[in-house]
PDB file of N, CA and C in Angstrom:
ATOM      1  N   MET A   1     131.255  78.475 107.850  1.00  0.00           N
ATOM      2  CA  MET A   1     131.070  79.855 108.226  1.00  0.00           C
ATOM      3  C   MET A   1     130.893  79.955 109.731  1.00  0.00           C
ATOM      4  N   ALA A   2     131.662  80.816 110.321  1.00  0.00           N
ATOM      5  CA  ALA A   2     131.561  81.038 111.757  1.00  0.00           C
ATOM      6  C   ALA A   2     130.484  82.076 112.034  1.00  0.00           C
ATOM      7  N   SER A   3     129.864  81.954 113.201  1.00  0.00           N
ATOM      8  CA  SER A   3     128.792  82.877 113.562  1.00  0.00           C
ATOM      9  C   SER A   3     129.119  83.536 114.888  1.00  0.00           C
ATOM     10  N   SER A   4     128.664  84.765 115.046  1.00  0.00           N
ATOM     11  CA  SER A   4     128.847  85.456 116.321  1.00  0.00           C
ATOM     12  C   SER A   4     127.607  85.330 117.195  1.00  0.00           C
ATOM     13  N   LEU A   5     126.619  84.550 116.738  1.00  0.00           N
ATOM     14  CA  LEU A   5     125.366  84.410 117.463  1.00  0.00           C
ATOM     15  C   LEU A   5     125.279  83.064 118.171  1.00  0.00           C
ATOM     16  N   THR A   6     124.617  83.067 119.315  1.00  0.00           N
ATOM     17  CA  THR A   6     124.314  81.834 120.017  1.00  0.00           C
ATOM     18  C   THR A   6     123.090  81.203 119.365  1.00  0.00           C
ATOM     19  N   CYS A   7     122.644  80.078 119.888  1.00  0.00           N
ATOM     20  CA  CYS A   7     121.439  79.433 119.365  1.00  0.00           C
ATOM     21  C   CYS A   7     120.232  80.360 119.529  1.00  0.00           C
ATOM     22  N   ALA A   8     120.127  81.027 120.673  1.00  0.00           N
ATOM     23  CA  ALA A   8     119.030  81.982 120.883  1.00  0.00           C
ATOM     24  C   ALA A   8     119.138  83.144 119.895  1.00  0.00           C
ATOM     25  N   GLY A   9     120.359  83.573 119.587  1.00  0.00           N
ATOM     26  CA  GLY A   9     120.567  84.643 118.620  1.00  0.00           C
ATOM     27  C   GLY A   9     120.158  84.233 117.221  1.00  0.00           C
ATOM     28  N   MET A  10     120.410  82.977 116.874  1.00  0.00           N
ATOM     29  CA  MET A  10     119.992  82.479 115.554  1.00  0.00           C
ATOM     30  C   MET A  10     118.465  82.465 115.444  1.00  0.00           C
ATOM     31  N   ILE A  11     117.807  82.016 116.513  1.00  0.00           N
ATOM     32  CA  ILE A  11     116.343  82.011 116.522  1.00  0.00           C
ATOM     33  C   ILE A  11     115.827  83.447 116.425  1.00  0.00           C
ATOM     34  N   TRP A  12     116.456  84.370 117.178  1.00  0.00           N
ATOM     35  CA  TRP A  12     116.080  85.787 117.118  1.00  0.00           C
ATOM     36  C   TRP A  12     116.228  86.337 115.702  1.00  0.00           C
ATOM     37  N   ALA A  13     117.317  85.993 115.033  1.00  0.00           N
ATOM     38  CA  ALA A  13     117.552  86.476 113.669  1.00  0.00           C
ATOM     39  C   ALA A  13     116.479  85.953 112.716  1.00  0.00           C
ATOM     40  N   PHE A  14     116.160  84.674 112.837  1.00  0.00           N
ATOM     41  CA  PHE A  14     115.152  84.072 111.956  1.00  0.00           C
ATOM     42  C   PHE A  14     113.775  84.672 112.215  1.00  0.00           C
ATOM     43  N   LEU A  15     113.379  84.792 113.480  1.00  0.00           N
ATOM     44  CA  LEU A  15     112.079  85.371 113.803  1.00  0.00           C
ATOM     45  C   LEU A  15     112.015  86.856 113.436  1.00  0.00           C
ATOM     46  N   SER A  16     113.134  87.553 113.586  1.00  0.00           N
ATOM     47  CA  SER A  16     113.184  88.962 113.197  1.00  0.00           C
ATOM     48  C   SER A  16     112.931  89.110 111.703  1.00  0.00           C
ATOM     49  N   PHE A  17     113.530  88.235 110.923  1.00  0.00           N
ATOM     50  CA  PHE A  17     113.331  88.291 109.475  1.00  0.00           C
ATOM     51  C   PHE A  17     111.883  87.982 109.114  1.00  0.00           C
ATOM     52  N   LEU A  18     111.299  86.963 109.742  1.00  0.00           N
ATOM     53  CA  LEU A  18     109.904  86.625 109.451  1.00  0.00           C
ATOM     54  C   LEU A  18     108.961  87.766 109.826  1.00  0.00           C
ATOM     55  N   CYS A  19     109.180  88.381 110.976  1.00  0.00           N
ATOM     56  CA  CYS A  19     108.327  89.492 111.408  1.00  0.00           C
ATOM     57  C   CYS A  19     108.499  90.714 110.508  1.00  0.00           C
ATOM     58  N   ALA A  20     109.724  91.011 110.105  1.00  0.00           N
ATOM     59  CA  ALA A  20     109.962  92.143 109.213  1.00  0.00           C
ATOM     60  C   ALA A  20     109.305  91.907 107.858  1.00  0.00           C
ATOM     61  N   ALA A  21     109.414  90.683 107.351  1.00  0.00           N
ATOM     62  CA  ALA A  21     108.785  90.360 106.065  1.00  0.00           C
ATOM     63  C   ALA A  21     107.264  90.474 106.166  1.00  0.00           C
ATOM     64  N   ALA A  22     106.683  89.962 107.244  1.00  0.00           N
ATOM     65  CA  ALA A  22     105.235  90.048 107.428  1.00  0.00           C
ATOM     66  C   ALA A  22     104.785  91.501 107.558  1.00  0.00           C
ATOM     67  N   SER A  23     105.552  92.313 108.256  1.00  0.00           N
ATOM     68  CA  SER A  23     105.209  93.734 108.409  1.00  0.00           C
ATOM     69  C   SER A  23     105.251  94.452 107.068  1.00  0.00           C
ATOM     70  N   CYS A  24     106.268  94.187 106.277  1.00  0.00           N
ATOM     71  CA  CYS A  24     106.390  94.843 104.967  1.00  0.00           C
ATOM     72  C   CYS A  24     105.293  94.399 104.013  1.00  0.00           C
ATOM     73  N   VAL A  25     104.953  93.113 104.015  1.00  0.00           N
ATOM     74  CA  VAL A  25     103.868  92.631 103.160  1.00  0.00           C
ATOM     75  C   VAL A  25     102.559  93.285 103.589  1.00  0.00           C
ATOM     76  N   GLY A  26     102.332  93.363 104.894  1.00  0.00           N
ATOM     77  CA  GLY A  26     101.127  94.013 105.392  1.00  0.00           C
ATOM     78  C   GLY A  26     101.057  95.482 105.035  1.00  0.00           C
ATOM     79  N   PHE A  27     102.208  96.148 105.037  1.00  0.00           N
ATOM     80  CA  PHE A  27     102.252  97.567 104.688  1.00  0.00           C
ATOM     81  C   PHE A  27     101.915  97.795 103.218  1.00  0.00           C
ATOM     82  N   PHE A  28     102.423  96.942 102.350  1.00  0.00           N
ATOM     83  CA  PHE A  28     102.228  97.136 100.917  1.00  0.00           C
ATOM     84  C   PHE A  28     100.905  96.586 100.391  1.00  0.00           C
ATOM     85  N   MET A  29     100.250  95.686 101.118  1.00  0.00           N
ATOM     86  CA  MET A  29      98.985  95.119 100.668  1.00  0.00           C
ATOM     87  C   MET A  29      97.830  96.078 100.963  1.00  0.00           C
ATOM     88  N   PRO A  30      96.881  96.202 100.042  1.00  0.00           N
ATOM     89  CA  PRO A  30      95.784  97.164 100.216  1.00  0.00           C
ATOM     90  C   PRO A  30      94.544  96.579 100.899  1.00  0.00           C
ATOM     91  N   TYR A  31      94.706  95.643 101.808  1.00  0.00           N
ATOM     92  CA  TYR A  31      93.543  94.970 102.376  1.00  0.00           C
ATOM     93  C   TYR A  31      93.341  95.295 103.861  1.00  0.00           C
ATOM     94  N   TRP A  32      93.680  96.498 104.282  1.00  0.00           N
ATOM     95  CA  TRP A  32      93.479  96.890 105.675  1.00  0.00           C
ATOM     96  C   TRP A  32      92.010  97.077 105.975  1.00  0.00           C
ATOM     97  N   LEU A  33      91.296  97.754 105.097  1.00  0.00           N
ATOM     98  CA  LEU A  33      89.864  98.008 105.269  1.00  0.00           C
ATOM     99  C   LEU A  33      89.126  97.475 104.050  1.00  0.00           C
ATOM    100  N   LEU A  34      88.086  96.712 104.297  1.00  0.00           N
ATOM    101  CA  LEU A  34      87.288  96.138 103.210  1.00  0.00           C
ATOM    102  C   LEU A  34      85.872  96.680 103.300  1.00  0.00           C
ATOM    103  N   GLY A  35      85.242  96.868 102.150  1.00  0.00           N
ATOM    104  CA  GLY A  35      83.876  97.362 102.138  1.00  0.00           C
ATOM    105  C   GLY A  35      83.314  97.335 100.737  1.00  0.00           C
ATOM    106  N   SER A  36      82.245  98.100 100.535  1.00  0.00           N
ATOM    107  CA  SER A  36      81.660  98.191  99.197  1.00  0.00           C
ATOM    108  C   SER A  36      81.239  99.632  98.950  1.00  0.00           C
ATOM    109  N   GLN A  37      81.311 100.006  97.697  1.00  0.00           N
ATOM    110  CA  GLN A  37      80.936 101.346  97.277  1.00  0.00           C
ATOM    111  C   GLN A  37      80.422 101.248  95.847  1.00  0.00           C
ATOM    112  N   LEU A  38      79.300 101.885  95.572  1.00  0.00           N
ATOM    113  CA  LEU A  38      78.662 101.807  94.255  1.00  0.00           C
ATOM    114  C   LEU A  38      78.475 100.353  93.823  1.00  0.00           C
ATOM    115  N   GLU A  39      78.087  99.514  94.778  1.00  0.00           N
ATOM    116  CA  GLU A  39      77.838  98.088  94.571  1.00  0.00           C
ATOM    117  C   GLU A  39      79.063  97.309  94.090  1.00  0.00           C
ATOM    118  N   LYS A  40      80.247  97.817  94.403  1.00  0.00           N
ATOM    119  CA  LYS A  40      81.496  97.128  94.065  1.00  0.00           C
ATOM    120  C   LYS A  40      82.287  96.912  95.356  1.00  0.00           C
ATOM    121  N   SER A  41      83.036  95.826  95.398  1.00  0.00           N
ATOM    122  CA  SER A  41      83.892  95.547  96.543  1.00  0.00           C
ATOM    123  C   SER A  41      85.127  96.447  96.477  1.00  0.00           C
ATOM    124  N   VAL A  42      85.434  97.139  97.581  1.00  0.00           N
ATOM    125  CA  VAL A  42      86.594  98.021  97.625  1.00  0.00           C
ATOM    126  C   VAL A  42      87.457  97.661  98.825  1.00  0.00           C
ATOM    127  N   SER A  43      88.738  97.974  98.735  1.00  0.00           N
ATOM    128  CA  SER A  43      89.659  97.787  99.857  1.00  0.00           C
ATOM    129  C   SER A  43      90.784  98.798  99.733  1.00  0.00           C
ATOM    130  N   PHE A  44      91.355  99.152 100.878  1.00  0.00           N
ATOM    131  CA  PHE A  44      92.505 100.044 100.826  1.00  0.00           C
ATOM    132  C   PHE A  44      93.337  99.927 102.092  1.00  0.00           C
ATOM    133  N   GLY A  45      94.587 100.334 101.958  1.00  0.00           N
ATOM    134  CA  GLY A  45      95.530 100.370 103.058  1.00  0.00           C
ATOM    135  C   GLY A  45      96.191 101.732 103.077  1.00  0.00           C
ATOM    136  N   THR A  46      97.272 101.854 103.822  1.00  0.00           N
ATOM    137  CA  THR A  46      97.916 103.160 103.900  1.00  0.00           C
ATOM    138  C   THR A  46      98.624 103.518 102.604  1.00  0.00           C
ATOM    139  N   PHE A  47      99.039 102.540 101.845  1.00  0.00           N
ATOM    140  CA  PHE A  47      99.910 102.766 100.698  1.00  0.00           C
ATOM    141  C   PHE A  47      99.229 102.504  99.357  1.00  0.00           C
ATOM    142  N   ARG A  48      98.239 101.601  99.336  1.00  0.00           N
ATOM    143  CA  ARG A  48      97.584 101.194  98.085  1.00  0.00           C
ATOM    144  C   ARG A  48      96.084 101.109  98.280  1.00  0.00           C
ATOM    145  N   ARG A  49      95.364 101.020  97.163  1.00  0.00           N
ATOM    146  CA  ARG A  49      93.907 100.875  97.207  1.00  0.00           C
ATOM    147  C   ARG A  49      93.448 100.042  96.016  1.00  0.00           C
ATOM    148  N   CYS A  50      92.280  99.422  96.160  1.00  0.00           N
ATOM    149  CA  CYS A  50      91.687  98.617  95.089  1.00  0.00           C
ATOM    150  C   CYS A  50      90.243  99.049  94.882  1.00  0.00           C
ATOM    151  N   SER A  51      89.827  99.141  93.638  1.00  0.00           N
ATOM    152  CA  SER A  51      88.467  99.519  93.251  1.00  0.00           C
ATOM    153  C   SER A  51      88.057 100.833  93.907  1.00  0.00           C
ATOM    154  N   TYR A  52      88.496 101.917  93.316  1.00  0.00           N
ATOM    155  CA  TYR A  52      88.245 103.234  93.896  1.00  0.00           C
ATOM    156  C   TYR A  52      87.454 104.108  92.922  1.00  0.00           C
ATOM    157  N   PRO A  53      86.652 105.043  93.473  1.00  0.00           N
ATOM    158  CA  PRO A  53      85.841 105.911  92.612  1.00  0.00           C
ATOM    159  C   PRO A  53      86.669 107.050  92.006  1.00  0.00           C
ATOM    160  N   VAL A  54      86.357 107.383  90.766  1.00  0.00           N
ATOM    161  CA  VAL A  54      87.007 108.488  90.062  1.00  0.00           C
ATOM    162  C   VAL A  54      85.916 109.289  89.352  1.00  0.00           C
ATOM    163  N   ARG A  55      86.048 110.596  89.376  1.00  0.00           N
ATOM    164  CA  ARG A  55      85.077 111.471  88.711  1.00  0.00           C
ATOM    165  C   ARG A  55      85.386 111.528  87.220  1.00  0.00           C
ATOM    166  N   ASP A  56      84.430 111.150  86.386  1.00  0.00           N
ATOM    167  CA  ASP A  56      84.567 111.222  84.936  1.00  0.00           C
ATOM    168  C   ASP A  56      83.906 112.518  84.479  1.00  0.00           C
ATOM    169  N   GLU A  57      84.720 113.501  84.139  1.00  0.00           N
ATOM    170  CA  GLU A  57      84.208 114.827  83.777  1.00  0.00           C
ATOM    171  C   GLU A  57      83.437 114.819  82.460  1.00  0.00           C
ATOM    172  N   SER A  58      83.809 113.941  81.538  1.00  0.00           N
ATOM    173  CA  SER A  58      83.108 113.923  80.251  1.00  0.00           C
ATOM    174  C   SER A  58      81.671 113.413  80.406  1.00  0.00           C
ATOM    175  N   LEU A  59      81.453 112.457  81.302  1.00  0.00           N
ATOM    176  CA  LEU A  59      80.104 111.923  81.540  1.00  0.00           C
ATOM    177  C   LEU A  59      79.418 112.596  82.721  1.00  0.00           C
ATOM    178  N   GLN A  60      80.158 113.438  83.460  1.00  0.00           N
ATOM    179  CA  GLN A  60      79.629 114.111  84.650  1.00  0.00           C
ATOM    180  C   GLN A  60      79.075 113.104  85.668  1.00  0.00           C
ATOM    181  N   THR A  61      79.834 112.042  85.900  1.00  0.00           N
ATOM    182  CA  THR A  61      79.428 111.013  86.847  1.00  0.00           C
ATOM    183  C   THR A  61      80.662 110.413  87.521  1.00  0.00           C
ATOM    184  N   THR A  62      80.428 109.621  88.526  1.00  0.00           N
ATOM    185  CA  THR A  62      81.510 108.920  89.227  1.00  0.00           C
ATOM    186  C   THR A  62      81.528 107.476  88.755  1.00  0.00           C
ATOM    187  N   VAL A  63      82.697 107.000  88.359  1.00  0.00           N
ATOM    188  CA  VAL A  63      82.857 105.615  87.908  1.00  0.00           C
ATOM    189  C   VAL A  63      83.859 104.918  88.817  1.00  0.00           C
ATOM    190  N   MET A  64      83.722 103.607  88.897  1.00  0.00           N
ATOM    191  CA  MET A  64      84.644 102.819  89.708  1.00  0.00           C
ATOM    192  C   MET A  64      85.783 102.279  88.838  1.00  0.00           C
ATOM    193  N   VAL A  65      87.003 102.509  89.281  1.00  0.00           N
ATOM    194  CA  VAL A  65      88.174 101.928  88.628  1.00  0.00           C
ATOM    195  C   VAL A  65      88.441 100.609  89.339  1.00  0.00           C
ATOM    196  N   GLU A  66      88.269  99.499  88.632  1.00  0.00           N
ATOM    197  CA  GLU A  66      88.398  98.180  89.248  1.00  0.00           C
ATOM    198  C   GLU A  66      89.796  97.615  89.055  1.00  0.00           C
ATOM    199  N   GLN A  67      90.759  98.242  89.713  1.00  0.00           N
ATOM    200  CA  GLN A  67      92.137  97.766  89.709  1.00  0.00           C
ATOM    201  C   GLN A  67      92.816  98.250  90.978  1.00  0.00           C
ATOM    202  N   CYS A  68      93.940  97.668  91.290  1.00  0.00           N
ATOM    203  CA  CYS A  68      94.692  98.066  92.469  1.00  0.00           C
ATOM    204  C   CYS A  68      95.848  98.968  92.054  1.00  0.00           C
ATOM    205  N   GLY A  69      96.177  99.904  92.910  1.00  0.00           N
ATOM    206  CA  GLY A  69      97.289 100.785  92.614  1.00  0.00           C
ATOM    207  C   GLY A  69      97.617 101.684  93.788  1.00  0.00           C
ATOM    208  N   ARG A  70      98.742 102.374  93.675  1.00  0.00           N
ATOM    209  CA  ARG A  70      99.160 103.321  94.705  1.00  0.00           C
ATOM    210  C   ARG A  70      98.396 104.615  94.524  1.00  0.00           C
ATOM    211  N   TYR A  71      98.452 105.421  95.562  1.00  0.00           N
ATOM    212  CA  TYR A  71      97.894 106.763  95.432  1.00  0.00           C
ATOM    213  C   TYR A  71      98.775 107.547  94.455  1.00  0.00           C
ATOM    214  N   ALA A  72      98.176 108.453  93.699  1.00  0.00           N
ATOM    215  CA  ALA A  72      98.902 109.192  92.656  1.00  0.00           C
ATOM    216  C   ALA A  72     100.034 110.025  93.249  1.00  0.00           C
ATOM    217  N   SER A  73      99.821 110.579  94.425  1.00  0.00           N
ATOM    218  CA  SER A  73     100.853 111.366  95.094  1.00  0.00           C
ATOM    219  C   SER A  73     100.638 111.240  96.597  1.00  0.00           C
ATOM    220  N   PHE A  74     101.586 111.726  97.360  1.00  0.00           N
ATOM    221  CA  PHE A  74     101.459 111.690  98.818  1.00  0.00           C
ATOM    222  C   PHE A  74     100.256 112.508  99.263  1.00  0.00           C
ATOM    223  N   GLN A  75      99.989 113.609  98.575  1.00  0.00           N
ATOM    224  CA  GLN A  75      98.843 114.454  98.913  1.00  0.00           C
ATOM    225  C   GLN A  75      97.504 113.802  98.566  1.00  0.00           C
ATOM    226  N   ALA A  76      97.517 112.770  97.718  1.00  0.00           N
ATOM    227  CA  ALA A  76      96.275 112.086  97.351  1.00  0.00           C
ATOM    228  C   ALA A  76      95.798 111.126  98.435  1.00  0.00           C
ATOM    229  N   ILE A  77      96.636 110.855  99.429  1.00  0.00           N
ATOM    230  CA  ILE A  77      96.215 110.014 100.552  1.00  0.00           C
ATOM    231  C   ILE A  77      95.114 110.771 101.293  1.00  0.00           C
ATOM    232  N   PRO A  78      94.004 110.099 101.645  1.00  0.00           N
ATOM    233  CA  PRO A  78      92.780 110.783 102.082  1.00  0.00           C
ATOM    234  C   PRO A  78      92.887 111.799 103.218  1.00  0.00           C
ATOM    235  N   SER A  79      93.676 111.582 104.234  1.00  0.00           N
ATOM    236  CA  SER A  79      93.692 112.524 105.358  1.00  0.00           C
ATOM    237  C   SER A  79      95.104 112.679 105.910  1.00  0.00           C
ATOM    238  N   THR A  80      95.283 113.697 106.741  1.00  0.00           N
ATOM    239  CA  THR A  80      96.582 113.935 107.369  1.00  0.00           C
ATOM    240  C   THR A  80      96.962 112.766 108.273  1.00  0.00           C
ATOM    241  N   GLU A  81      95.999 112.247 109.001  1.00  0.00           N
ATOM    242  CA  GLU A  81      96.276 111.112 109.888  1.00  0.00           C
ATOM    243  C   GLU A  81      96.724 109.891 109.105  1.00  0.00           C
ATOM    244  N   TRP A  82      96.097 109.675 107.938  1.00  0.00           N
ATOM    245  CA  TRP A  82      96.451 108.542 107.087  1.00  0.00           C
ATOM    246  C   TRP A  82      97.872 108.721 106.531  1.00  0.00           C
ATOM    247  N   ARG A  83      98.245 109.949 106.201  1.00  0.00           N
ATOM    248  CA  ARG A  83      99.616 110.229 105.732  1.00  0.00           C
ATOM    249  C   ARG A  83     100.620 109.952 106.845  1.00  0.00           C
ATOM    250  N   ILE A  84     100.300 110.388 108.062  1.00  0.00           N
ATOM    251  CA  ILE A  84     101.183 110.139 109.206  1.00  0.00           C
ATOM    252  C   ILE A  84     101.341 108.635 109.431  1.00  0.00           C
ATOM    253  N   CYS A  85     100.238 107.902 109.346  1.00  0.00           N
ATOM    254  CA  CYS A  85     100.274 106.444 109.492  1.00  0.00           C
ATOM    255  C   CYS A  85     101.160 105.807 108.426  1.00  0.00           C
ATOM    256  N   THR A  86     101.068 106.299 107.199  1.00  0.00           N
ATOM    257  CA  THR A  86     101.895 105.765 106.115  1.00  0.00           C
ATOM    258  C   THR A  86     103.377 105.974 106.401  1.00  0.00           C
ATOM    259  N   VAL A  87     103.743 107.175 106.839  1.00  0.00           N
ATOM    260  CA  VAL A  87     105.148 107.480 107.118  1.00  0.00           C
ATOM    261  C   VAL A  87     105.656 106.665 108.306  1.00  0.00           C
ATOM    262  N   VAL A  88     104.886 106.627 109.379  1.00  0.00           N
ATOM    263  CA  VAL A  88     105.326 105.921 110.585  1.00  0.00           C
ATOM    264  C   VAL A  88     105.434 104.415 110.326  1.00  0.00           C
ATOM    265  N   THR A  89     104.451 103.846 109.650  1.00  0.00           N
ATOM    266  CA  THR A  89     104.489 102.414 109.349  1.00  0.00           C
ATOM    267  C   THR A  89     105.638 102.083 108.395  1.00  0.00           C
ATOM    268  N   GLY A  90     105.859 102.928 107.400  1.00  0.00           N
ATOM    269  CA  GLY A  90     106.979 102.716 106.480  1.00  0.00           C
ATOM    270  C   GLY A  90     108.324 102.791 107.180  1.00  0.00           C
ATOM    271  N   LEU A  91     108.495 103.759 108.069  1.00  0.00           N
ATOM    272  CA  LEU A  91     109.747 103.858 108.829  1.00  0.00           C
ATOM    273  C   LEU A  91     109.935 102.652 109.739  1.00  0.00           C
ATOM    274  N   GLY A  92     108.853 102.213 110.378  1.00  0.00           N
ATOM    275  CA  GLY A  92     108.931 101.025 111.233  1.00  0.00           C
ATOM    276  C   GLY A  92     109.339  99.798 110.453  1.00  0.00           C
ATOM    277  N   CYS A  93     108.756  99.610 109.273  1.00  0.00           N
ATOM    278  CA  CYS A  93     109.126  98.471 108.423  1.00  0.00           C
ATOM    279  C   CYS A  93     110.590  98.558 107.996  1.00  0.00           C
ATOM    280  N   GLY A  94     111.039  99.769 107.672  1.00  0.00           N
ATOM    281  CA  GLY A  94     112.445  99.944 107.296  1.00  0.00           C
ATOM    282  C   GLY A  94     113.392  99.595 108.433  1.00  0.00           C
ATOM    283  N   LEU A  95     113.073 100.031 109.649  1.00  0.00           N
ATOM    284  CA  LEU A  95     113.906  99.707 110.808  1.00  0.00           C
ATOM    285  C   LEU A  95     113.913  98.203 111.078  1.00  0.00           C
ATOM    286  N   LEU A  96     112.744  97.578 110.987  1.00  0.00           N
ATOM    287  CA  LEU A  96     112.675  96.132 111.218  1.00  0.00           C
ATOM    288  C   LEU A  96     113.489  95.366 110.183  1.00  0.00           C
ATOM    289  N   LEU A  97     113.435  95.797 108.928  1.00  0.00           N
ATOM    290  CA  LEU A  97     114.238  95.141 107.887  1.00  0.00           C
ATOM    291  C   LEU A  97     115.730  95.335 108.114  1.00  0.00           C
ATOM    292  N   LEU A  98     116.119  96.532 108.529  1.00  0.00           N
ATOM    293  CA  LEU A  98     117.535  96.806 108.809  1.00  0.00           C
ATOM    294  C   LEU A  98     118.072  95.869 109.881  1.00  0.00           C
ATOM    295  N   VAL A  99     117.337  95.734 110.968  1.00  0.00           N
ATOM    296  CA  VAL A  99     117.779  94.859 112.057  1.00  0.00           C
ATOM    297  C   VAL A  99     117.770  93.398 111.619  1.00  0.00           C
ATOM    298  N   ALA A 100     116.722  92.980 110.902  1.00  0.00           N
ATOM    299  CA  ALA A 100     116.612  91.583 110.489  1.00  0.00           C
ATOM    300  C   ALA A 100     117.742  91.191 109.545  1.00  0.00           C
ATOM    301  N   LEU A 101     118.053  92.051 108.586  1.00  0.00           N
ATOM    302  CA  LEU A 101     119.133  91.721 107.650  1.00  0.00           C
ATOM    303  C   LEU A 101     120.498  91.740 108.336  1.00  0.00           C
ATOM    304  N   THR A 102     120.687  92.655 109.282  1.00  0.00           N
ATOM    305  CA  THR A 102     121.930  92.668 110.049  1.00  0.00           C
ATOM    306  C   THR A 102     122.056  91.392 110.884  1.00  0.00           C
ATOM    307  N   ALA A 103     120.959  90.967 111.489  1.00  0.00           N
ATOM    308  CA  ALA A 103     120.974  89.741 112.290  1.00  0.00           C
ATOM    309  C   ALA A 103     121.257  88.520 111.419  1.00  0.00           C
ATOM    310  N   LEU A 104     120.666  88.473 110.230  1.00  0.00           N
ATOM    311  CA  LEU A 104     120.937  87.352 109.329  1.00  0.00           C
ATOM    312  C   LEU A 104     122.394  87.335 108.879  1.00  0.00           C
ATOM    313  N   MET A 105     122.968  88.518 108.661  1.00  0.00           N
ATOM    314  CA  MET A 105     124.396  88.567 108.320  1.00  0.00           C
ATOM    315  C   MET A 105     125.237  88.099 109.498  1.00  0.00           C
ATOM    316  N   GLY A 106     124.762  88.366 110.717  1.00  0.00           N
ATOM    317  CA  GLY A 106     125.467  87.907 111.911  1.00  0.00           C
ATOM    318  C   GLY A 106     125.498  86.394 112.022  1.00  0.00           C
ATOM    319  N   CYS A 107     124.566  85.709 111.355  1.00  0.00           N
ATOM    320  CA  CYS A 107     124.576  84.241 111.344  1.00  0.00           C
ATOM    321  C   CYS A 107     125.729  83.696 110.511  1.00  0.00           C
ATOM    322  N   CYS A 108     126.226  84.486 109.576  1.00  0.00           N
ATOM    323  CA  CYS A 108     127.250  84.021 108.647  1.00  0.00           C
ATOM    324  C   CYS A 108     128.629  84.630 108.889  1.00  0.00           C
ATOM    325  N   VAL A 109     128.694  85.765 109.543  1.00  0.00           N
ATOM    326  CA  VAL A 109     129.958  86.478 109.732  1.00  0.00           C
ATOM    327  C   VAL A 109     130.312  86.476 111.217  1.00  0.00           C
ATOM    328  N   SER A 110     131.495  86.026 111.524  1.00  0.00           N
ATOM    329  CA  SER A 110     131.901  85.999 112.932  1.00  0.00           C
ATOM    330  C   SER A 110     132.240  87.404 113.421  1.00  0.00           C
ATOM    331  N   GLU A 111     132.003  87.633 114.679  1.00  0.00           N
ATOM    332  CA  GLU A 111     132.302  88.891 115.362  1.00  0.00           C
ATOM    333  C   GLU A 111     131.567  90.098 114.772  1.00  0.00           C
ATOM    334  N   LEU A 112     130.443  89.887 114.127  1.00  0.00           N
ATOM    335  CA  LEU A 112     129.664  91.001 113.592  1.00  0.00           C
ATOM    336  C   LEU A 112     128.741  91.579 114.662  1.00  0.00           C
ATOM    337  N   ILE A 113     128.149  90.696 115.452  1.00  0.00           N
ATOM    338  CA  ILE A 113     127.199  91.149 116.463  1.00  0.00           C
ATOM    339  C   ILE A 113     127.750  90.832 117.847  1.00  0.00           C
ATOM    340  N   SER A 114     128.057  91.893 118.569  1.00  0.00           N
ATOM    341  CA  SER A 114     128.507  91.742 119.957  1.00  0.00           C
ATOM    342  C   SER A 114     127.312  91.910 120.880  1.00  0.00           C
ATOM    343  N   ARG A 115     127.539  91.805 122.173  1.00  0.00           N
ATOM    344  CA  ARG A 115     126.456  91.967 123.136  1.00  0.00           C
ATOM    345  C   ARG A 115     125.839  93.360 123.032  1.00  0.00           C
ATOM    346  N   ASN A 116     126.683  94.387 122.918  1.00  0.00           N
ATOM    347  CA  ASN A 116     126.169  95.755 122.822  1.00  0.00           C
ATOM    348  C   ASN A 116     125.410  95.996 121.515  1.00  0.00           C
ATOM    349  N   VAL A 117     125.905  95.451 120.417  1.00  0.00           N
ATOM    350  CA  VAL A 117     125.220  95.596 119.129  1.00  0.00           C
ATOM    351  C   VAL A 117     123.873  94.881 119.180  1.00  0.00           C
ATOM    352  N   GLY A 118     123.826  93.724 119.830  1.00  0.00           N
ATOM    353  CA  GLY A 118     122.562  92.994 119.988  1.00  0.00           C
ATOM    354  C   GLY A 118     121.554  93.780 120.801  1.00  0.00           C
ATOM    355  N   ARG A 119     122.005  94.423 121.867  1.00  0.00           N
ATOM    356  CA  ARG A 119     121.098  95.247 122.675  1.00  0.00           C
ATOM    357  C   ARG A 119     120.596  96.455 121.877  1.00  0.00           C
ATOM    358  N   MET A 120     121.498  97.064 121.120  1.00  0.00           N
ATOM    359  CA  MET A 120     121.103  98.199 120.300  1.00  0.00           C
ATOM    360  C   MET A 120     120.099  97.769 119.226  1.00  0.00           C
ATOM    361  N   ALA A 121     120.335  96.601 118.630  1.00  0.00           N
ATOM    362  CA  ALA A 121     119.408  96.077 117.617  1.00  0.00           C
ATOM    363  C   ALA A 121     118.047  95.788 118.232  1.00  0.00           C
ATOM    364  N   GLY A 122     118.031  95.273 119.451  1.00  0.00           N
ATOM    365  CA  GLY A 122     116.768  95.039 120.134  1.00  0.00           C
ATOM    366  C   GLY A 122     116.025  96.350 120.390  1.00  0.00           C
ATOM    367  N   GLY A 123     116.760  97.393 120.753  1.00  0.00           N
ATOM    368  CA  GLY A 123     116.143  98.704 120.953  1.00  0.00           C
ATOM    369  C   GLY A 123     115.575  99.259 119.659  1.00  0.00           C
ATOM    370  N   ILE A 124     116.306  99.084 118.562  1.00  0.00           N
ATOM    371  CA  ILE A 124     115.825  99.546 117.263  1.00  0.00           C
ATOM    372  C   ILE A 124     114.590  98.767 116.855  1.00  0.00           C
ATOM    373  N   GLN A 125     114.575  97.458 117.144  1.00  0.00           N
ATOM    374  CA  GLN A 125     113.392  96.645 116.853  1.00  0.00           C
ATOM    375  C   GLN A 125     112.195  97.127 117.668  1.00  0.00           C
ATOM    376  N   PHE A 126     112.422  97.447 118.919  1.00  0.00           N
ATOM    377  CA  PHE A 126     111.349  97.951 119.768  1.00  0.00           C
ATOM    378  C   PHE A 126     110.789  99.259 119.190  1.00  0.00           C
ATOM    379  N   LEU A 127     111.677 100.139 118.770  1.00  0.00           N
ATOM    380  CA  LEU A 127     111.261 101.407 118.168  1.00  0.00           C
ATOM    381  C   LEU A 127     110.503 101.148 116.861  1.00  0.00           C
ATOM    382  N   GLY A 128     111.006 100.236 116.041  1.00  0.00           N
ATOM    383  CA  GLY A 128     110.346  99.905 114.774  1.00  0.00           C
ATOM    384  C   GLY A 128     108.978  99.283 114.971  1.00  0.00           C
ATOM    385  N   GLY A 129     108.832  98.503 116.027  1.00  0.00           N
ATOM    386  CA  GLY A 129     107.537  97.866 116.313  1.00  0.00           C
ATOM    387  C   GLY A 129     106.550  98.859 116.800  1.00  0.00           C
TER     388      GLY A 129
END
């Protein structure tokens, strides 16, 4: 298989993929903030949460749900700033994945990535970061 990338381009493609994968894993994992509530360990991120309180109307009390999961809806995310963070981080991860997968394809396909395409991909990576 012929490649349109130099040795530095191959390293860039590999590191781009590793960084995009790490960013996406970080986005989807609910361990951004750790703490305790109602004597239980809790954690949450922009997209998911673990061990969260829920109001039980039949018992008229608050109980802890000890499992991890996504927010029920976009509006269930605690604040407007947190929603903005979720959208911006998700878009950044998407851009980083787009560039990383294109760069990896450039390792296998000749004439896929030219100098101008590489510069544009670097700009998109900068925006995604």
